[in-house]
Structure formats: structure tokens, C-alpha cells
């Protein structure tokens, strides 16, 4: 999976850098702003949940792929990468999910 996410990240970053909104969905989405990217991510998250509860594996794989794609666009637009996500996951490894959540700063 690492290679696939690396490849996706490279393509997304290249299309953001090129900024050709007429020929690139990534660039056209970015041109609409971060809020639109986040909205699309939310839509894909809901579609992923719907596919998960429908117990249709092919639909779930497709929607999860769309979700990761849109997350990749949002991360890249913010100047973040899958390496940043992996670093955070590594930091959390070996810590109880309950303990990790309890240690988060309160809002």
C-alpha cells in the first residue's frame, strides 16, 4: 500500500503545482478552495460509511479509494504528506486508543 499512496501523493502534488484547472480535477478542486476540498472529503466519508453498512465489498473498496484520494488532495493543499500521517501513527503505536484519546488537549 505504501507505494500506491506515494504514487498518488506524487500525482496530486504535481497536478496542484501545475494548476491547470481545465485539464486536472485536482487543480480544479483546489481552485475552489480548501473548504470545497474538505466538503468533498466529507461527502466521500459518508459514501464510505454507506458502502460499509451495505456490506458491498466492491463498493466499499471504491468509496474508500475515493476517500483516500480526497484526503491526499487536502493534505497536499495544506503542505502535508502521507509521511506526516505515518509519523503520527508511529507515535501512537503501542498506546491504548483510550489512553491516547485521554491525553489529547481538551478543547
Foldseek 3Di string as FASTA:
>chain_A
DVVVQVVLLVVLLVCCVVLPLVVDVLSVQPVVHLVSLVVQLVVLVVQLVVCVVVPPVVSNVVSVVSNSSSVSSNQVSVVHGVVVVVVVVVVCPPPDPVVVVVPDDDD
